[in-house]
Amino acid sequence: MSPSAPAAPDLHAAAAVLDQASTVVTVATSALAGRPIDEQQVLAYDLAHAAAGVEIARALLDYGAKGDAEARITCAFVADAVHDLATRVFGREADWGVEPGALDPTRDFLAAYRAPEFLAAIDGPGPRHLDADFELVQDTFRRFAEEKLHPVAEHIHRRNEDIPESIIEGLAEMGGFGLSVPEEYGGWGSGGESEYLGMVVATEELSRGSLGAGGSLITRPEILTRALLAGGTEEQKHTWLPRLATAEVMNAVAVTEPDFGSDVAGVKVTATRTGEGGGAGWVLNGVKTWCTFGARADVLMLLARTDPDRSKGHRGLSLFVVPKPRGEGHGFELTQEAGDGGAPGGGTMEGRPIDTIGYRGMHSYEVAFDGWFVPAANLIGMEDGEGRGFYYQMAGFENGRLQTAARAVGVMQAAYEAARQYALDRVVFGQPVADYQLTRAKLARMAVIIQAARQFSYTVARLMAKGEGTLEASMVKAYVCKAAEWVTREAMQIHGGMGYAEEFPVSRYFVDARVLSIFEGADETLCLKVIARRMIEAVQGPSR
């Protein structure tokens, strides 16, 4: 095929190629199932990522059937996903349990749809195909991001400043904090697809404006909302949910500890019963870390050990709503007054800021509790909730992986737009950077990855609305967050030296993207403990 004659998109060929790739994934999963997974971590990790790419590609086939531009994006992504699988397999066929050359039949497809001539015909991420209601959500939050977030995003990042109260107030007026709060409790959540997909669309647009000051801001109330809906009493729901929906109360999440990140069952912070009658409650002692938004928050959603028998693991944990005064963004020291909510007085809470290279605005803290009193009414679920905190916090985080993927899409979209505009404006060796083949190929691949990630996020949202999609949510988080690192890196590279200069926002997108594979489930833990294990269950059955 000559360089002047790029291939036409062929979805039938794409489906056939994915069938071959899926066979390799299935065979490798079966091979992994017969070995101790902790002794095959490299294989399990590679398999999880490759399988996620193949799954996203297969879901994209429906999108590809909607038009020529969509078909081109689909064929390009399928080719990239299968190429990624092939590079992981090549030279390690024995480990993967496949024959050498197992993916040879895909060579012609990859050659045609990874060719720069084919990529050159892809002009942007393409249409989203959202229904009118979700287009309205997109337009509303995009306008807010452009008018309110863009003007302050760089200042917040460069100066490591707090999120302005005007941002919080503006989002509250739009109902941004009540998207997951059911209507009966004063929010906008109506359940089903509209709620899950609406959150994805809103999160992407806010993250396009700013990851730290926008995209992550609406996820904190969602986490506490879902935990309360899972285990809270009716009185607790009516007490907290309306206030979360209006931002009268803003919350942070205090789950992670210095020695226990993803291993939540090892939590050491203790909650000990104290007092009687109106003064009954719990006293907190210990240290939490990576408590994002902990200073500005009015309450913490805190996981603590209420059963001193550590052998019970996660069965000895309970979840609390912990009221606190607002503190300073760059650290805080709080002391409880006697009688405050029944407190005996003298309890302290100290927040030490953890400076980070990106994801600024909300600030993260190491928070130390020494005798901090929590009223008995603030144990989520009351007596029935004691020892069930692990399950309630898991319900709170159920949508977290999908929302993180949506945040990644927003950051990628912002980086792509910045890189494309710079490439059009910047002239090097007598022509715009955008005219060079390598630049066109990079921009096309960015556009393809962004749309594939976006469409799969929509797919996962629809699955989760039906009570499904747990594995797919982990897959989209793993794949898209790593992809965001490549997209923002290449966007920075297209800027050349100015990409390394703080006066251009693309450097912010790059450092912000780096956190995405770390929080809401570190990439390695997600791949080894969730994706690979669930893939194995699918091929051998959960009972084995």
Protein backbone atom coordinates (compact mmCIF):
# COMPACT_ATOMS: atom_id res chain seq x y z
CA MET A 1 0.00 0.00 0.00
CA SER A 2 1.52 3.34 -1.04
CA PRO A 3 1.91 6.22 1.41
CA SER A 4 -0.55 8.25 -0.64
CA ALA A 5 -3.33 5.68 -0.28
CA PRO A 6 -4.24 5.24 3.41
CA ALA A 7 -6.45 2.32 4.29
CA ALA A 8 -10.21 2.73 4.62
CA PRO A 9 -11.58 1.83 8.07
CA ASP A 10 -12.71 -1.79 8.29
CA LEU A 11 -14.66 -2.66 11.42
CA HIS A 12 -15.11 -6.30 10.41
CA ALA A 13 -11.36 -6.68 10.24
CA ALA A 14 -11.06 -4.87 13.57
CA ALA A 15 -13.48 -7.31 15.20
CA ALA A 16 -11.56 -10.28 13.77
CA VAL A 17 -8.26 -8.93 15.06
CA LEU A 18 -9.78 -8.43 18.51
CA ASP A 19 -11.00 -12.02 18.49
CA GLN A 20 -7.42 -13.16 17.96
CA ALA A 21 -6.18 -10.85 20.70
CA SER A 22 -8.89 -12.05 23.09
CA THR A 23 -7.84 -15.64 22.49
CA VAL A 24 -4.29 -14.79 23.52
CA VAL A 25 -5.59 -13.04 26.65
CA THR A 26 -7.78 -16.02 27.57
CA VAL A 27 -4.98 -18.53 27.05
CA ALA A 28 -2.59 -16.43 29.12
CA THR A 29 -5.18 -16.07 31.89
CA SER A 30 -5.61 -19.83 32.01
CA ALA A 31 -1.83 -20.25 32.17
CA LEU A 32 -1.63 -17.74 35.01
CA ALA A 33 -4.47 -19.47 36.86
CA GLY A 34 -2.33 -22.56 37.30
CA ARG A 35 0.45 -20.74 39.13
CA PRO A 36 0.75 -18.72 42.38
CA ILE A 37 -0.04 -15.19 41.23
CA ASP A 38 2.42 -13.57 43.64
CA GLU A 39 5.21 -15.49 41.93
CA GLN A 40 4.04 -14.27 38.52
CA GLN A 41 3.50 -10.59 39.23
CA VAL A 42 5.11 -9.29 36.05
CA LEU A 43 2.95 -11.54 33.89
CA ALA A 44 -0.18 -10.69 35.88
CA TYR A 45 0.50 -6.96 35.62
CA ASP A 46 1.20 -7.05 31.88
CA LEU A 47 -1.82 -9.26 31.26
CA ALA A 48 -4.12 -6.96 33.23
CA HIS A 49 -3.08 -3.90 31.25
CA ALA A 50 -3.19 -5.65 27.90
CA ALA A 51 -6.59 -7.14 28.66
CA ALA A 52 -7.91 -3.70 29.63
CA GLY A 53 -6.80 -2.30 26.28
CA VAL A 54 -8.47 -5.15 24.39
CA GLU A 55 -11.69 -4.73 26.40
CA ILE A 56 -11.78 -0.99 25.69
CA ALA A 57 -11.17 -1.66 22.00
CA ARG A 58 -14.00 -4.16 21.80
CA ALA A 59 -16.41 -1.77 23.49
CA LEU A 60 -15.39 0.88 20.95
CA LEU A 61 -16.71 -1.15 18.00
CA ASP A 62 -20.24 0.17 18.56
CA TYR A 63 -18.93 3.72 18.51
CA GLY A 64 -17.08 2.98 15.28
CA ALA A 65 -20.31 2.06 13.53
CA LYS A 66 -21.67 5.60 13.90
CA GLY A 67 -19.69 7.26 11.13
CA ASP A 68 -16.47 7.45 9.15
CA ALA A 69 -14.57 9.53 11.70
CA GLU A 70 -15.70 7.18 14.46
CA ALA A 71 -14.63 4.15 12.43
CA ARG A 72 -11.16 5.62 11.87
CA ILE A 73 -10.73 6.28 15.57
CA THR A 74 -11.87 2.74 16.34
CA CYS A 75 -9.52 1.04 13.89
CA ALA A 76 -6.61 3.14 15.11
CA PHE A 77 -7.29 2.27 18.75
CA VAL A 78 -7.77 -1.43 18.01
CA ALA A 79 -4.43 -1.44 16.22
CA ASP A 80 -2.72 0.27 19.15
CA ALA A 81 -4.29 -2.06 21.72
CA VAL A 82 -3.29 -5.20 19.84
CA HIS A 83 0.19 -3.78 19.21
CA ASP A 84 0.55 -3.20 22.97
CA LEU A 85 -0.46 -6.80 23.61
CA ALA A 86 1.99 -8.07 20.99
CA THR A 87 4.93 -6.17 22.48
CA ARG A 88 4.20 -7.67 25.89
CA VAL A 89 3.98 -11.19 24.49
CA PHE A 90 6.92 -11.11 22.07
CA GLY A 91 9.85 -13.13 23.43
CA ARG A 92 7.79 -14.31 26.43
CA GLU A 93 5.37 -16.63 24.67
CA ALA A 94 6.17 -19.52 27.02
CA ASP A 95 5.21 -17.43 30.06
CA TRP A 96 1.99 -16.41 28.35
CA GLY A 97 1.22 -20.00 27.35
CA VAL A 98 0.89 -19.16 23.63
CA GLU A 99 2.70 -20.31 20.53
CA PRO A 100 5.26 -18.03 18.87
CA GLY A 101 3.50 -16.13 16.14
CA ALA A 102 0.10 -16.31 17.84
CA LEU A 103 -0.55 -12.73 16.81
CA ASP A 104 1.04 -12.90 13.36
CA PRO A 105 -2.37 -12.82 11.61
CA THR A 106 -2.86 -9.30 12.99
CA ARG A 107 0.22 -7.86 11.28
CA ASP A 108 -1.51 -6.51 8.17
CA PHE A 109 -4.18 -4.79 10.23
CA LEU A 110 -1.60 -3.18 12.49
CA ALA A 111 0.47 -2.07 9.51
CA ALA A 112 -2.55 -0.43 7.89
CA TYR A 113 -4.04 1.30 10.92
CA ARG A 114 -0.89 2.36 12.72
CA ALA A 115 0.45 3.91 9.52
CA PRO A 116 1.04 7.68 9.66
CA GLU A 117 -0.97 8.09 6.45
CA PHE A 118 -4.01 6.61 8.16
CA LEU A 119 -3.49 8.61 11.36
CA ALA A 120 -3.18 11.84 9.35
CA ALA A 121 -6.85 11.52 8.38
CA ILE A 122 -7.93 11.63 12.04
CA ASP A 123 -8.73 15.22 12.94
CA GLY A 124 -9.57 15.43 16.61
CA PRO A 125 -11.25 13.09 19.11
CA GLY A 126 -14.52 13.06 17.16
CA PRO A 127 -18.13 13.40 18.38
CA ARG A 128 -19.16 12.09 21.78
CA HIS A 129 -22.69 10.99 20.86
CA LEU A 130 -24.25 12.05 24.14
CA ASP A 131 -28.00 12.35 24.54
CA ALA A 132 -29.40 15.88 24.78
CA ASP A 133 -29.68 15.75 28.58
CA PHE A 134 -26.03 14.84 28.99
CA GLU A 135 -24.97 17.41 26.39
CA LEU A 136 -26.63 19.97 28.64
CA VAL A 137 -24.63 18.65 31.61
CA GLN A 138 -21.46 18.83 29.53
CA ASP A 139 -22.14 22.37 28.35
CA THR A 140 -23.03 23.57 31.84
CA PHE A 141 -19.91 22.24 33.54
CA ARG A 142 -17.65 23.16 30.62
CA ARG A 143 -18.86 26.74 30.79
CA PHE A 144 -18.23 26.80 34.54
CA ALA A 145 -14.73 25.40 33.99
CA GLU A 146 -13.91 27.99 31.35
CA GLU A 147 -15.37 30.96 33.20
CA LYS A 148 -14.45 30.12 36.80
CA LEU A 149 -11.67 27.51 36.85
CA HIS A 150 -9.42 28.48 33.95
CA PRO A 151 -8.76 32.00 35.25
CA VAL A 152 -7.50 30.76 38.63
CA ALA A 153 -6.15 27.26 37.90
CA GLU A 154 -2.55 28.31 37.19
CA HIS A 155 -2.41 30.67 40.16
CA ILE A 156 -3.64 27.91 42.50
CA HIS A 157 -1.08 25.49 41.09
CA ARG A 158 1.95 27.80 41.01
CA ARG A 159 1.31 29.30 44.47
CA ASN A 160 -0.07 26.11 46.02
CA GLU A 161 -3.09 28.14 47.10
CA ASP A 162 -6.44 27.03 48.49
CA ILE A 163 -9.45 26.65 46.23
CA PRO A 164 -11.30 29.98 46.29
CA GLU A 165 -14.62 29.89 48.12
CA SER A 166 -16.21 31.33 44.98
CA ILE A 167 -15.51 28.02 43.21
CA ILE A 168 -17.19 26.02 45.97
CA GLU A 169 -20.13 28.41 46.08
CA GLY A 170 -20.52 28.32 42.29
CA LEU A 171 -20.53 24.55 42.13
CA ALA A 172 -23.01 24.41 45.00
CA GLU A 173 -25.37 26.75 43.16
CA MET A 174 -25.18 24.48 40.10
CA GLY A 175 -25.98 21.42 42.20
CA GLY A 176 -22.55 19.92 41.57
CA PHE A 177 -22.25 18.51 45.08
CA GLY A 178 -25.66 16.87 45.01
CA LEU A 179 -25.37 14.83 41.82
CA SER A 180 -25.32 11.58 43.80
CA VAL A 181 -27.57 12.71 46.66
CA PRO A 182 -31.10 11.32 46.08
CA GLU A 183 -33.83 13.89 45.51
CA GLU A 184 -35.61 12.82 48.72
CA TYR A 185 -32.57 14.06 50.67
CA GLY A 186 -32.27 17.37 48.88
CA GLY A 187 -30.00 16.40 45.98
CA TRP A 188 -30.29 15.83 42.26
CA GLY A 189 -29.59 12.10 42.11
CA SER A 190 -32.33 10.07 40.49
CA GLY A 191 -30.44 6.78 40.33
CA GLY A 192 -29.69 4.72 37.27
CA GLU A 193 -27.81 5.76 34.18
CA SER A 194 -28.48 9.48 34.47
CA GLU A 195 -26.73 9.65 37.83
CA TYR A 196 -23.62 7.63 36.94
CA LEU A 197 -23.19 9.04 33.45
CA GLY A 198 -23.94 12.56 34.64
CA MET A 199 -21.12 12.33 37.20
CA VAL A 200 -18.69 11.11 34.52
CA VAL A 201 -19.54 13.95 32.16
CA ALA A 202 -19.37 16.60 34.89
CA THR A 203 -16.11 15.25 36.31
CA GLU A 204 -14.41 15.26 32.90
CA GLU A 205 -15.34 18.86 32.20
CA LEU A 206 -14.27 20.10 35.63
CA SER A 207 -10.97 18.19 35.34
CA ARG A 208 -10.38 19.79 31.96
CA GLY A 209 -10.43 23.09 33.83
CA SER A 210 -8.37 21.91 36.79
CA LEU A 211 -7.81 18.49 38.31
CA GLY A 212 -7.09 19.74 41.83
CA ALA A 213 -9.45 22.68 41.99
CA GLY A 214 -12.31 21.23 39.96
CA GLY A 215 -12.43 17.59 38.95
CA SER A 216 -11.73 16.17 42.39
CA LEU A 217 -13.84 18.65 44.32
CA ILE A 218 -17.20 17.00 43.63
CA THR A 219 -15.97 13.46 44.33
CA ARG A 220 -15.50 13.92 48.09
CA PRO A 221 -19.20 14.49 48.88
CA GLU A 222 -20.06 11.63 46.54
CA ILE A 223 -17.88 9.23 48.56
CA LEU A 224 -19.51 10.15 51.87
CA THR A 225 -22.95 10.21 50.25
CA ARG A 226 -22.62 6.64 48.99
CA ALA A 227 -21.27 5.45 52.34
CA LEU A 228 -24.24 7.01 54.15
CA LEU A 229 -26.68 5.54 51.66
CA ALA A 230 -25.09 2.12 52.16
CA GLY A 231 -25.12 2.08 55.96
CA GLY A 232 -26.48 5.24 57.52
CA THR A 233 -29.64 5.41 59.57
CA GLU A 234 -32.51 7.52 58.25
CA GLU A 235 -31.73 10.15 60.84
CA GLN A 236 -28.10 10.26 59.70
CA LYS A 237 -29.12 10.53 56.05
CA HIS A 238 -31.50 13.38 56.77
CA THR A 239 -28.86 15.07 58.94
CA TRP A 240 -25.94 14.96 56.52
CA LEU A 241 -27.08 14.45 52.93
CA PRO A 242 -28.97 17.74 52.45
CA ARG A 243 -25.99 19.63 53.89
CA LEU A 244 -23.56 17.80 51.61
CA ALA A 245 -25.72 18.58 48.59
CA THR A 246 -25.64 22.32 49.26
CA ALA A 247 -21.97 22.43 50.41
CA GLU A 248 -23.09 23.67 53.83
CA VAL A 249 -20.87 20.78 54.89
CA MET A 250 -17.76 19.87 52.91
CA ASN A 251 -16.01 16.62 53.71
CA ALA A 252 -12.65 14.95 53.39
CA VAL A 253 -11.81 11.24 53.51
CA ALA A 254 -9.50 9.81 56.19
CA VAL A 255 -8.92 6.14 55.41
CA THR A 256 -5.26 5.69 54.41
CA GLU A 257 -2.60 5.40 57.12
CA PRO A 258 1.20 5.79 56.95
CA ASP A 259 1.76 2.02 57.08
CA PHE A 260 -1.45 0.96 55.36
CA GLY A 261 -2.47 2.28 51.96
CA SER A 262 -4.34 -0.20 49.81
CA ASP A 263 -4.21 -2.72 52.69
CA VAL A 264 -7.14 -1.13 54.51
CA ALA A 265 -7.67 -4.16 56.76
CA GLY A 266 -4.53 -3.19 58.67
CA VAL A 267 -5.92 0.15 59.90
CA LYS A 268 -4.48 1.12 63.29
CA VAL A 269 -6.33 4.32 64.23
CA THR A 270 -8.54 3.40 67.18
CA ALA A 271 -11.97 4.52 68.29
CA THR A 272 -12.69 3.74 71.95
CA ARG A 273 -16.06 4.07 73.68
CA THR A 274 -16.41 6.79 76.27
CA GLY A 275 -19.10 8.52 78.33
CA GLU A 276 -22.76 7.81 78.90
CA GLY A 277 -26.11 9.26 77.91
CA GLY A 278 -25.79 12.58 76.07
CA GLY A 279 -22.03 12.49 76.54
CA ALA A 280 -21.59 9.04 75.00
CA GLY A 281 -19.23 8.77 72.10
CA TRP A 282 -15.90 7.56 70.84
CA VAL A 283 -12.35 8.82 71.30
CA LEU A 284 -10.01 8.72 68.30
CA ASN A 285 -6.26 8.13 68.53
CA GLY A 286 -3.74 7.57 65.77
CA VAL A 287 -2.58 8.98 62.45
CA LYS A 288 -4.15 9.14 59.00
CA THR A 289 -2.35 10.27 55.85
CA TRP A 290 -3.23 11.53 52.37
CA CYS A 291 -6.33 13.17 53.78
CA THR A 292 -7.08 15.41 50.82
CA PHE A 293 -9.01 18.62 51.55
CA GLY A 294 -8.62 17.88 55.26
CA ALA A 295 -8.12 21.49 56.35
CA ARG A 296 -11.07 23.11 54.58
CA ALA A 297 -13.41 20.20 55.33
CA ASP A 298 -16.11 20.53 57.96
CA VAL A 299 -16.23 16.76 58.56
CA LEU A 300 -13.99 13.78 57.93
CA MET A 301 -15.24 10.40 56.77
CA LEU A 302 -12.94 8.36 58.97
CA LEU A 303 -12.33 4.61 59.17
CA ALA A 304 -11.20 3.44 62.60
CA ARG A 305 -10.69 0.22 64.54
CA THR A 306 -13.46 -0.20 67.10
CA ASP A 307 -12.57 -3.78 67.98
CA PRO A 308 -9.09 -4.03 69.57
CA ASP A 309 -8.76 -7.64 68.35
CA ARG A 310 -6.61 -7.01 65.27
CA SER A 311 -6.99 -10.61 64.14
CA LYS A 312 -10.50 -9.67 62.97
CA GLY A 313 -8.98 -7.50 60.23
CA HIS A 314 -11.57 -5.47 58.33
CA ARG A 315 -14.39 -6.94 60.46
CA GLY A 316 -13.22 -4.81 63.37
CA LEU A 317 -13.49 -1.48 61.55
CA SER A 318 -16.21 1.16 61.76
CA LEU A 319 -16.89 4.35 59.82
CA PHE A 320 -17.47 7.75 61.42
CA VAL A 321 -18.53 11.25 60.40
CA VAL A 322 -16.07 13.36 62.37
CA PRO A 323 -16.96 17.07 62.74
CA LYS A 324 -14.10 19.57 62.87
CA PRO A 325 -13.55 23.32 62.57
CA ARG A 326 -12.11 24.56 59.30
CA GLY A 327 -8.35 24.87 59.42
CA GLU A 328 -5.69 26.73 57.48
CA GLY A 329 -4.78 25.34 54.07
CA HIS A 330 -1.09 24.99 54.90
CA GLY A 331 -1.50 23.12 58.16
CA PHE A 332 -3.74 23.21 61.22
CA GLU A 333 -3.81 22.49 64.95
CA LEU A 334 -7.23 22.11 66.55
CA THR A 335 -8.24 21.60 70.17
CA GLN A 336 -11.72 20.56 71.29
CA GLU A 337 -13.56 22.67 73.80
CA ALA A 338 -15.37 20.93 76.65
CA GLY A 339 -19.04 20.37 75.86
CA ASP A 340 -18.54 20.65 72.11
CA GLY A 341 -20.92 17.93 70.91
CA GLY A 342 -20.52 16.22 74.26
CA ALA A 343 -16.72 16.34 74.16
CA PRO A 344 -14.91 16.18 77.50
CA GLY A 345 -12.47 18.73 76.04
CA GLY A 346 -8.74 18.67 75.41
CA GLY A 347 -8.74 16.39 72.35
CA THR A 348 -6.46 17.53 69.55
CA MET A 349 -6.30 17.13 65.78
CA GLU A 350 -3.17 18.23 63.95
CA GLY A 351 -2.84 18.38 60.17
CA ARG A 352 0.63 18.42 58.62
CA PRO A 353 0.54 19.39 54.93
CA ILE A 354 2.10 17.02 52.39
CA ASP A 355 3.55 19.14 49.60
CA THR A 356 3.08 17.58 46.16
CA ILE A 357 4.40 18.28 42.65
CA GLY A 358 0.87 18.57 41.24
CA TYR A 359 -2.79 18.07 42.11
CA ARG A 360 -2.77 21.28 44.11
CA GLY A 361 -5.62 23.32 45.52
CA MET A 362 -7.25 20.78 47.80
CA HIS A 363 -4.02 19.98 49.70
CA SER A 364 -3.28 16.64 51.36
CA TYR A 365 -2.41 16.11 54.99
CA GLU A 366 -1.10 13.72 57.57
CA VAL A 367 -3.66 14.08 60.36
CA ALA A 368 -2.86 13.06 63.96
CA PHE A 369 -5.66 12.46 66.47
CA ASP A 370 -5.04 12.55 70.20
CA GLY A 371 -8.16 12.01 72.30
CA TRP A 372 -10.44 13.56 69.66
CA PHE A 373 -14.07 12.99 70.69
CA VAL A 374 -16.80 11.91 68.24
CA PRO A 375 -20.47 11.79 69.38
CA ALA A 376 -22.06 8.33 69.40
CA ALA A 377 -24.60 9.53 66.82
CA ASN A 378 -21.79 9.93 64.28
CA LEU A 379 -20.99 6.22 63.96
CA ILE A 380 -22.45 5.42 60.54
CA GLY A 381 -25.19 2.85 61.06
CA MET A 382 -25.06 3.30 64.85
CA GLU A 383 -25.04 -0.10 66.63
CA ASP A 384 -25.74 -1.95 63.37
CA GLY A 385 -22.78 -0.21 61.76
CA GLU A 386 -20.19 -1.22 64.30
CA GLY A 387 -17.67 -3.49 62.59
CA ARG A 388 -19.12 -2.78 59.12
CA GLY A 389 -17.09 0.31 58.30
CA PHE A 390 -14.97 -1.47 55.72
CA TYR A 391 -18.04 -2.34 53.67
CA TYR A 392 -19.50 1.16 53.94
CA GLN A 393 -16.27 2.81 52.84
CA MET A 394 -16.04 0.37 49.95
CA ALA A 395 -19.55 1.44 48.92
CA GLY A 396 -18.36 5.02 49.18
CA PHE A 397 -15.48 4.30 46.84
CA GLU A 398 -17.44 2.09 44.43
CA ASN A 399 -17.57 4.83 41.83
CA GLY A 400 -14.10 6.18 42.59
CA ARG A 401 -12.22 4.26 39.93
CA LEU A 402 -14.63 5.31 37.22
CA GLN A 403 -14.49 8.92 38.39
CA THR A 404 -10.69 8.82 38.34
CA ALA A 405 -10.80 7.65 34.74
CA ALA A 406 -13.13 10.55 33.94
CA ARG A 407 -10.69 12.93 35.60
CA ALA A 408 -7.91 11.46 33.46
CA VAL A 409 -9.96 12.06 30.31
CA GLY A 410 -10.47 15.69 31.29
CA VAL A 411 -6.75 16.24 31.86
CA MET A 412 -5.92 14.53 28.56
CA GLN A 413 -8.46 16.65 26.70
CA ALA A 414 -6.95 19.84 28.12
CA ALA A 415 -3.43 18.70 27.21
CA TYR A 416 -4.48 17.74 23.68
CA GLU A 417 -6.17 21.08 23.06
CA ALA A 418 -3.12 22.97 24.33
CA ALA A 419 -0.72 20.90 22.21
CA ARG A 420 -2.81 21.19 19.06
CA GLN A 421 -3.10 24.96 19.36
CA TYR A 422 0.60 25.39 20.08
CA ALA A 423 1.49 23.18 17.11
CA LEU A 424 -0.66 25.35 14.85
CA ASP A 425 0.84 28.58 16.14
CA ARG A 426 4.51 27.61 16.43
CA VAL A 427 6.64 27.83 13.26
CA VAL A 428 9.86 25.79 13.11
CA PHE A 429 12.12 25.48 10.06
CA GLY A 430 9.71 27.52 8.01
CA GLN A 431 6.44 25.71 8.71
CA PRO A 432 4.01 25.19 11.59
CA VAL A 433 4.87 22.34 13.93
CA ALA A 434 1.42 20.93 13.17
CA ASP A 435 2.43 20.30 9.53
CA TYR A 436 5.11 17.77 10.41
CA GLN A 437 4.20 14.11 10.04
CA LEU A 438 5.44 13.17 13.51
CA THR A 439 3.34 15.89 15.13
CA ARG A 440 0.25 14.87 13.17
CA ALA A 441 0.74 11.25 14.20
CA LYS A 442 1.16 12.20 17.86
CA LEU A 443 -1.92 14.41 17.88
CA ALA A 444 -3.95 11.71 16.15
CA ARG A 445 -2.94 9.06 18.67
CA MET A 446 -3.81 11.45 21.51
CA ALA A 447 -7.25 12.03 19.99
CA VAL A 448 -7.82 8.31 19.53
CA ILE A 449 -6.85 7.46 23.12
CA ILE A 450 -9.01 10.24 24.54
CA GLN A 451 -12.14 9.19 22.67
CA ALA A 452 -11.62 5.50 23.42
CA ALA A 453 -11.18 6.30 27.10
CA ARG A 454 -14.21 8.56 27.10
CA GLN A 455 -16.49 6.07 25.36
CA PHE A 456 -15.45 3.22 27.66
CA SER A 457 -16.08 5.47 30.67
CA TYR A 458 -19.61 5.93 29.36
CA THR A 459 -19.95 2.17 28.92
CA VAL A 460 -18.77 1.49 32.48
CA ALA A 461 -21.14 4.14 33.86
CA ARG A 462 -24.06 2.38 32.19
CA LEU A 463 -22.92 -0.96 33.57
CA MET A 464 -22.55 0.40 37.09
CA ALA A 465 -26.02 1.91 36.90
CA LYS A 466 -27.26 -1.68 36.54
CA GLY A 467 -25.18 -2.92 39.45
CA GLU A 468 -22.50 -4.39 37.17
CA GLY A 469 -19.13 -3.32 35.78
CA THR A 470 -16.85 -3.72 38.79
CA LEU A 471 -14.07 -5.35 36.73
CA GLU A 472 -14.55 -2.91 33.87
CA ALA A 473 -14.28 0.04 36.28
CA SER A 474 -10.90 -1.28 37.43
CA MET A 475 -9.81 -1.80 33.83
CA VAL A 476 -10.75 1.70 32.71
CA LYS A 477 -8.96 3.21 35.70
CA ALA A 478 -5.77 1.21 35.10
CA TYR A 479 -5.58 1.79 31.35
CA VAL A 480 -6.71 5.39 31.12
CA CYS A 481 -4.61 6.74 33.97
CA LYS A 482 -1.41 5.36 32.45
CA ALA A 483 -2.49 6.61 29.03
CA ALA A 484 -2.87 10.09 30.53
CA GLU A 485 0.82 10.07 31.40
CA TRP A 486 1.73 9.45 27.75
CA VAL A 487 -0.74 11.99 26.36
CA THR A 488 0.37 14.79 28.70
CA ARG A 489 4.03 13.92 28.18
CA GLU A 490 3.67 14.18 24.40
CA ALA A 491 1.65 17.38 24.73
CA MET A 492 4.50 18.81 26.77
CA GLN A 493 7.02 17.60 24.18
CA ILE A 494 5.14 19.27 21.33
CA HIS A 495 5.58 22.54 23.21
CA GLY A 496 9.34 22.03 23.12
CA GLY A 497 11.24 24.20 25.57
CA MET A 498 8.10 26.12 26.47
CA GLY A 499 6.56 22.89 27.70
CA TYR A 500 9.10 22.99 30.50
CA ALA A 501 8.26 26.60 31.31
CA GLU A 502 5.79 27.35 34.07
CA GLU A 503 4.05 30.01 32.00
CA PHE A 504 2.32 27.34 29.91
CA PRO A 505 -0.34 25.15 31.61
CA VAL A 506 0.80 21.98 29.83
CA SER A 507 3.42 21.38 32.54
CA ARG A 508 0.58 21.38 35.09
CA TYR A 509 -1.30 18.77 33.10
CA PHE A 510 1.81 16.59 33.07
CA VAL A 511 2.41 16.62 36.84
CA ASP A 512 -1.32 16.32 37.55
CA ALA A 513 -1.62 13.25 35.34
CA ARG A 514 1.14 11.50 37.27
CA VAL A 515 -0.98 11.14 40.40
CA LEU A 516 -3.82 9.35 38.63
CA SER A 517 -2.13 5.93 38.63
CA ILE A 518 -1.39 6.25 42.34
CA PHE A 519 -4.60 7.25 44.09
CA GLU A 520 -7.96 5.43 44.12
CA GLY A 521 -6.01 2.17 44.00
CA ALA A 522 -2.33 2.14 43.05
CA ASP A 523 -1.85 0.78 39.54
CA GLU A 524 0.12 -2.28 40.64
CA THR A 525 -2.32 -3.21 43.39
CA LEU A 526 -5.27 -2.71 41.06
CA CYS A 527 -3.78 -4.93 38.38
CA LEU A 528 -2.52 -7.71 40.67
CA LYS A 529 -5.17 -7.81 43.38
CA VAL A 530 -8.28 -6.95 41.39
CA ILE A 531 -8.06 -7.24 37.59
CA ALA A 532 -5.83 -10.31 37.27
CA ARG A 533 -7.62 -12.18 40.07
CA ARG A 534 -11.06 -11.50 38.64
CA MET A 535 -9.91 -12.54 35.18
CA ILE A 536 -8.71 -15.81 36.69
CA GLU A 537 -12.08 -16.30 38.43
CA ALA A 538 -13.79 -15.82 35.08
CA VAL A 539 -11.86 -18.67 33.45
CA GLN A 540 -11.85 -21.15 36.33
CA GLY A 541 -14.87 -20.15 38.39
CA PRO A 542 -14.93 -18.29 41.74
CA SER A 543 -15.26 -21.42 43.89
CA ARG A 544 -11.77 -22.72 43.20
